[in-house]
């Protein structure tokens, strides 16, 4: 699939899955951020959870029917909820070049805020800008701290939404 097809949602695989172009672009951006995380020095500092984990663990024929999502949910390992520290980590990941996917993340656009402040462990929410050609979206990453991980972590190859 070409960068142009992905950016405008016109690929045959997207049409056959009845996926809107804005949703397909969002999923592509989330996927490509996960790829950059997976090749970064911080890859062992986070666990994937939430809807994208359900997508990854679903049988291939069930993936188009998994719960839609607008963000990445991660659990931080051996890390305190530090806004500036997480901002720096995400900016480094965002700066990783992967020319083959056509996506560019803007490290300067990374912002972090506290969420779930009333919870025992709380969390942080990250936003950053992603670009594909002239298309732009602001992606969201929610990071939890101290949540129980049951069952334990499993290493898996993330199945890409777009071929």
C-alpha atoms as a PDB file:
ATOM      1  CA  UNK A   1       0.000   0.000   0.000  1.00  0.00           C
ATOM      2  CA  UNK A   2       1.283   3.433  -0.829  1.00  0.00           C
ATOM      3  CA  UNK A   3       1.664   6.311   1.604  1.00  0.00           C
ATOM      4  CA  UNK A   4      -1.003   8.187  -0.372  1.00  0.00           C
ATOM      5  CA  UNK A   5      -3.471   5.275  -0.093  1.00  0.00           C
ATOM      6  CA  UNK A   6      -2.968   5.107   3.656  1.00  0.00           C
ATOM      7  CA  UNK A   7      -3.296   8.854   4.126  1.00  0.00           C
ATOM      8  CA  UNK A   8      -6.583   9.041   2.256  1.00  0.00           C
ATOM      9  CA  UNK A   9      -8.005   5.642   3.251  1.00  0.00           C
ATOM     10  CA  UNK A  10      -8.295   4.442  -0.344  1.00  0.00           C
ATOM     11  CA  UNK A  11      -6.499   1.108  -0.096  1.00  0.00           C
ATOM     12  CA  UNK A  12      -8.557  -1.958  -1.043  1.00  0.00           C
ATOM     13  CA  UNK A  13      -7.873  -3.577   2.344  1.00  0.00           C
ATOM     14  CA  UNK A  14      -9.280  -0.550   4.159  1.00  0.00           C
ATOM     15  CA  UNK A  15     -12.390  -0.420   1.976  1.00  0.00           C
ATOM     16  CA  UNK A  16     -13.038  -4.137   2.494  1.00  0.00           C
ATOM     17  CA  UNK A  17     -12.868  -3.652   6.273  1.00  0.00           C
ATOM     18  CA  UNK A  18     -15.241  -0.665   6.178  1.00  0.00           C
ATOM     19  CA  UNK A  19     -12.713   1.390   8.098  1.00  0.00           C
ATOM     20  CA  UNK A  20     -12.935   5.160   7.883  1.00  0.00           C
ATOM     21  CA  UNK A  21      -9.894   7.008   6.668  1.00  0.00           C
ATOM     22  CA  UNK A  22      -9.540   8.961   9.922  1.00  0.00           C
ATOM     23  CA  UNK A  23      -9.700   5.763  11.982  1.00  0.00           C
ATOM     24  CA  UNK A  24      -7.301   3.943   9.671  1.00  0.00           C
ATOM     25  CA  UNK A  25      -4.851   6.820   9.850  1.00  0.00           C
ATOM     26  CA  UNK A  26      -5.110   6.923  13.655  1.00  0.00           C
ATOM     27  CA  UNK A  27      -4.476   3.162  13.891  1.00  0.00           C
ATOM     28  CA  UNK A  28      -1.539   3.438  11.504  1.00  0.00           C
ATOM     29  CA  UNK A  29       0.022   6.204  13.606  1.00  0.00           C
ATOM     30  CA  UNK A  30      -0.467   4.201  16.820  1.00  0.00           C
ATOM     31  CA  UNK A  31       1.022   1.123  15.167  1.00  0.00           C
ATOM     32  CA  UNK A  32       4.057   3.016  13.933  1.00  0.00           C
ATOM     33  CA  UNK A  33       4.669   4.572  17.342  1.00  0.00           C
ATOM     34  CA  UNK A  34       4.596   1.063  18.858  1.00  0.00           C
ATOM     35  CA  UNK A  35       7.132  -0.013  16.236  1.00  0.00           C
ATOM     36  CA  UNK A  36       9.460   2.817  17.229  1.00  0.00           C
ATOM     37  CA  UNK A  37       8.997   1.952  20.905  1.00  0.00           C
ATOM     38  CA  UNK A  38       9.876  -1.679  20.097  1.00  0.00           C
ATOM     39  CA  UNK A  39      13.232  -0.700  18.586  1.00  0.00           C
ATOM     40  CA  UNK A  40      14.063   1.919  21.208  1.00  0.00           C
ATOM     41  CA  UNK A  41      16.214   1.580  24.319  1.00  0.00           C
ATOM     42  CA  UNK A  42      12.991   1.990  26.328  1.00  0.00           C
ATOM     43  CA  UNK A  43      11.294  -1.118  24.895  1.00  0.00           C
ATOM     44  CA  UNK A  44      11.658  -3.064  28.166  1.00  0.00           C
ATOM     45  CA  UNK A  45      10.301  -0.181  30.247  1.00  0.00           C
ATOM     46  CA  UNK A  46       6.681  -0.509  29.089  1.00  0.00           C
ATOM     47  CA  UNK A  47       4.000  -3.160  28.609  1.00  0.00           C
ATOM     48  CA  UNK A  48       1.191  -2.835  26.092  1.00  0.00           C
ATOM     49  CA  UNK A  49      -2.314  -3.116  27.518  1.00  0.00           C
ATOM     50  CA  UNK A  50      -5.849  -2.090  26.571  1.00  0.00           C
ATOM     51  CA  UNK A  51      -7.568  -2.322  23.192  1.00  0.00           C
ATOM     52  CA  UNK A  52      -4.360  -2.593  21.155  1.00  0.00           C
ATOM     53  CA  UNK A  53      -3.311  -5.601  23.229  1.00  0.00           C
ATOM     54  CA  UNK A  54      -6.734  -7.189  22.610  1.00  0.00           C
ATOM     55  CA  UNK A  55      -6.228  -6.517  18.893  1.00  0.00           C
ATOM     56  CA  UNK A  56      -2.774  -8.131  18.970  1.00  0.00           C
ATOM     57  CA  UNK A  57      -3.998 -11.236  20.786  1.00  0.00           C
ATOM     58  CA  UNK A  58      -7.184 -11.722  18.742  1.00  0.00           C
ATOM     59  CA  UNK A  59      -7.413 -14.334  16.025  1.00  0.00           C
ATOM     60  CA  UNK A  60      -6.704 -12.710  12.632  1.00  0.00           C
ATOM     61  CA  UNK A  61     -10.284 -13.084  11.396  1.00  0.00           C
ATOM     62  CA  UNK A  62     -11.603 -11.401  14.573  1.00  0.00           C
ATOM     63  CA  UNK A  63      -9.269  -8.383  14.498  1.00  0.00           C
ATOM     64  CA  UNK A  64     -11.560  -6.139  12.409  1.00  0.00           C
ATOM     65  CA  UNK A  65     -14.209  -6.585  15.113  1.00  0.00           C
ATOM     66  CA  UNK A  66     -12.101  -5.820  18.170  1.00  0.00           C
ATOM     67  CA  UNK A  67     -12.891  -2.787  20.272  1.00  0.00           C
ATOM     68  CA  UNK A  68     -11.936   0.410  18.445  1.00  0.00           C
ATOM     69  CA  UNK A  69      -9.456   2.668  20.190  1.00  0.00           C
ATOM     70  CA  UNK A  70      -8.077   6.154  19.906  1.00  0.00           C
ATOM     71  CA  UNK A  71      -4.979   5.719  22.048  1.00  0.00           C
ATOM     72  CA  UNK A  72      -2.163   3.485  23.216  1.00  0.00           C
ATOM     73  CA  UNK A  73      -2.372   2.147  26.770  1.00  0.00           C
ATOM     74  CA  UNK A  74       0.946   1.276  28.390  1.00  0.00           C
ATOM     75  CA  UNK A  75       2.071   0.161  31.824  1.00  0.00           C
ATOM     76  CA  UNK A  76       5.398   1.634  32.950  1.00  0.00           C
ATOM     77  CA  UNK A  77       7.792  -0.783  34.633  1.00  0.00           C
ATOM     78  CA  UNK A  78      10.200   0.237  37.394  1.00  0.00           C
ATOM     79  CA  UNK A  79       9.494   3.895  36.761  1.00  0.00           C
ATOM     80  CA  UNK A  80       7.917   6.663  38.811  1.00  0.00           C
ATOM     81  CA  UNK A  81       5.238   8.928  37.294  1.00  0.00           C
ATOM     82  CA  UNK A  82       7.549  11.794  36.306  1.00  0.00           C
ATOM     83  CA  UNK A  83       6.046  14.183  33.726  1.00  0.00           C
ATOM     84  CA  UNK A  84       9.327  15.565  32.425  1.00  0.00           C
ATOM     85  CA  UNK A  85      11.050  12.164  32.447  1.00  0.00           C
ATOM     86  CA  UNK A  86       8.253  10.582  30.403  1.00  0.00           C
ATOM     87  CA  UNK A  87       8.211  13.570  28.042  1.00  0.00           C
ATOM     88  CA  UNK A  88      11.926  13.051  27.354  1.00  0.00           C
ATOM     89  CA  UNK A  89      11.495   9.291  26.784  1.00  0.00           C
ATOM     90  CA  UNK A  90       8.601   9.792  24.348  1.00  0.00           C
ATOM     91  CA  UNK A  91      10.472  12.569  22.512  1.00  0.00           C
ATOM     92  CA  UNK A  92      13.441  10.228  21.990  1.00  0.00           C
ATOM     93  CA  UNK A  93      11.117   7.500  20.666  1.00  0.00           C
ATOM     94  CA  UNK A  94       9.310  10.028  18.437  1.00  0.00           C
ATOM     95  CA  UNK A  95      12.643  11.086  16.928  1.00  0.00           C
ATOM     96  CA  UNK A  96      13.436   7.562  15.691  1.00  0.00           C
ATOM     97  CA  UNK A  97      13.367   7.596  11.892  1.00  0.00           C
ATOM     98  CA  UNK A  98      11.575   4.826  10.003  1.00  0.00           C
ATOM     99  CA  UNK A  99      11.474   6.141   6.423  1.00  0.00           C
ATOM    100  CA  UNK A 100       9.818   2.968   5.121  1.00  0.00           C
ATOM    101  CA  UNK A 101       6.505   3.830   6.813  1.00  0.00           C
ATOM    102  CA  UNK A 102       6.286   7.483   5.747  1.00  0.00           C
ATOM    103  CA  UNK A 103       5.322   8.583   9.271  1.00  0.00           C
ATOM    104  CA  UNK A 104       6.992  11.424  11.119  1.00  0.00           C
ATOM    105  CA  UNK A 105       6.399  12.133  14.796  1.00  0.00           C
ATOM    106  CA  UNK A 106       7.225  15.603  16.093  1.00  0.00           C
ATOM    107  CA  UNK A 107       9.370  15.274  19.247  1.00  0.00           C
ATOM    108  CA  UNK A 108       8.841  18.982  19.986  1.00  0.00           C
ATOM    109  CA  UNK A 109       5.063  18.478  20.192  1.00  0.00           C
ATOM    110  CA  UNK A 110       5.186  15.999  23.104  1.00  0.00           C
ATOM    111  CA  UNK A 111       3.089  17.085  26.086  1.00  0.00           C
ATOM    112  CA  UNK A 112       2.398  15.145  29.297  1.00  0.00           C
ATOM    113  CA  UNK A 113      -0.295  15.630  31.938  1.00  0.00           C
ATOM    114  CA  UNK A 114      -1.397  13.761  35.055  1.00  0.00           C
ATOM    115  CA  UNK A 115      -4.509  11.573  34.908  1.00  0.00           C
ATOM    116  CA  UNK A 116      -6.261   9.363  37.450  1.00  0.00           C
ATOM    117  CA  UNK A 117      -4.884  11.550  40.238  1.00  0.00           C
ATOM    118  CA  UNK A 118      -7.364  10.085  42.738  1.00  0.00           C
ATOM    119  CA  UNK A 119      -6.218   6.522  42.036  1.00  0.00           C
ATOM    120  CA  UNK A 120      -3.619   4.870  44.214  1.00  0.00           C
ATOM    121  CA  UNK A 121      -1.019   4.819  41.458  1.00  0.00           C
ATOM    122  CA  UNK A 122      -2.296   7.434  39.017  1.00  0.00           C
ATOM    123  CA  UNK A 123      -1.082   7.796  35.487  1.00  0.00           C
ATOM    124  CA  UNK A 124       0.177  10.146  32.828  1.00  0.00           C
ATOM    125  CA  UNK A 125      -1.302  11.084  29.453  1.00  0.00           C
ATOM    126  CA  UNK A 126       0.969  11.898  26.539  1.00  0.00           C
ATOM    127  CA  UNK A 127      -0.002  13.716  23.345  1.00  0.00           C
ATOM    128  CA  UNK A 128       2.167  14.155  20.273  1.00  0.00           C
ATOM    129  CA  UNK A 129       1.738  15.122  16.637  1.00  0.00           C
ATOM    130  CA  UNK A 130       2.068  12.545  13.872  1.00  0.00           C
ATOM    131  CA  UNK A 131       2.310  13.240  10.140  1.00  0.00           C
ATOM    132  CA  UNK A 132       1.920  11.179   6.983  1.00  0.00           C
ATOM    133  CA  UNK A 133       2.317  13.291   3.881  1.00  0.00           C
ATOM    134  CA  UNK A 134      -0.010  16.253   4.441  1.00  0.00           C
ATOM    135  CA  UNK A 135      -2.160  14.337   6.934  1.00  0.00           C
ATOM    136  CA  UNK A 136      -1.740  15.194  10.617  1.00  0.00           C
ATOM    137  CA  UNK A 137      -3.188  13.783  13.810  1.00  0.00           C
ATOM    138  CA  UNK A 138      -2.462  14.182  17.496  1.00  0.00           C
ATOM    139  CA  UNK A 139      -2.065  10.777  19.122  1.00  0.00           C
ATOM    140  CA  UNK A 140      -2.616   9.940  22.760  1.00  0.00           C
ATOM    141  CA  UNK A 141      -0.723   7.510  24.987  1.00  0.00           C
ATOM    142  CA  UNK A 142      -1.991   6.719  28.488  1.00  0.00           C
ATOM    143  CA  UNK A 143       0.679   5.371  30.834  1.00  0.00           C
ATOM    144  CA  UNK A 144      -0.205   3.576  34.061  1.00  0.00           C
ATOM    145  CA  UNK A 145       2.089   3.091  37.035  1.00  0.00           C
ATOM    146  CA  UNK A 146       1.866   0.286  39.582  1.00  0.00           C
ATOM    147  CA  UNK A 147      -1.073  -1.585  38.028  1.00  0.00           C
ATOM    148  CA  UNK A 148      -1.121  -5.353  38.503  1.00  0.00           C
ATOM    149  CA  UNK A 149      -0.028  -7.296  35.415  1.00  0.00           C
ATOM    150  CA  UNK A 150      -2.009 -10.529  35.251  1.00  0.00           C
ATOM    151  CA  UNK A 151      -1.140 -12.820  33.623  1.00  0.00           C
ATOM    152  CA  UNK A 152       2.509 -11.890  33.360  1.00  0.00           C
ATOM    153  CA  UNK A 153       4.095 -10.180  30.361  1.00  0.00           C
ATOM    154  CA  UNK A 154       4.251 -12.017  27.043  1.00  0.00           C
ATOM    155  CA  UNK A 155       6.521 -11.131  24.130  1.00  0.00           C
ATOM    156  CA  UNK A 156       4.584 -11.018  20.869  1.00  0.00           C
ATOM    157  CA  UNK A 157       4.911  -9.761  17.339  1.00  0.00           C
ATOM    158  CA  UNK A 158       2.358  -7.012  16.899  1.00  0.00           C
ATOM    159  CA  UNK A 159       0.125  -7.733  13.900  1.00  0.00           C
ATOM    160  CA  UNK A 160      -0.094  -4.661  11.741  1.00  0.00           C
ATOM    161  CA  UNK A 161      -3.560  -3.361  10.934  1.00  0.00           C
ATOM    162  CA  UNK A 162      -2.476  -2.278   7.477  1.00  0.00           C
ATOM    163  CA  UNK A 163      -0.612  -4.729   5.251  1.00  0.00           C
END
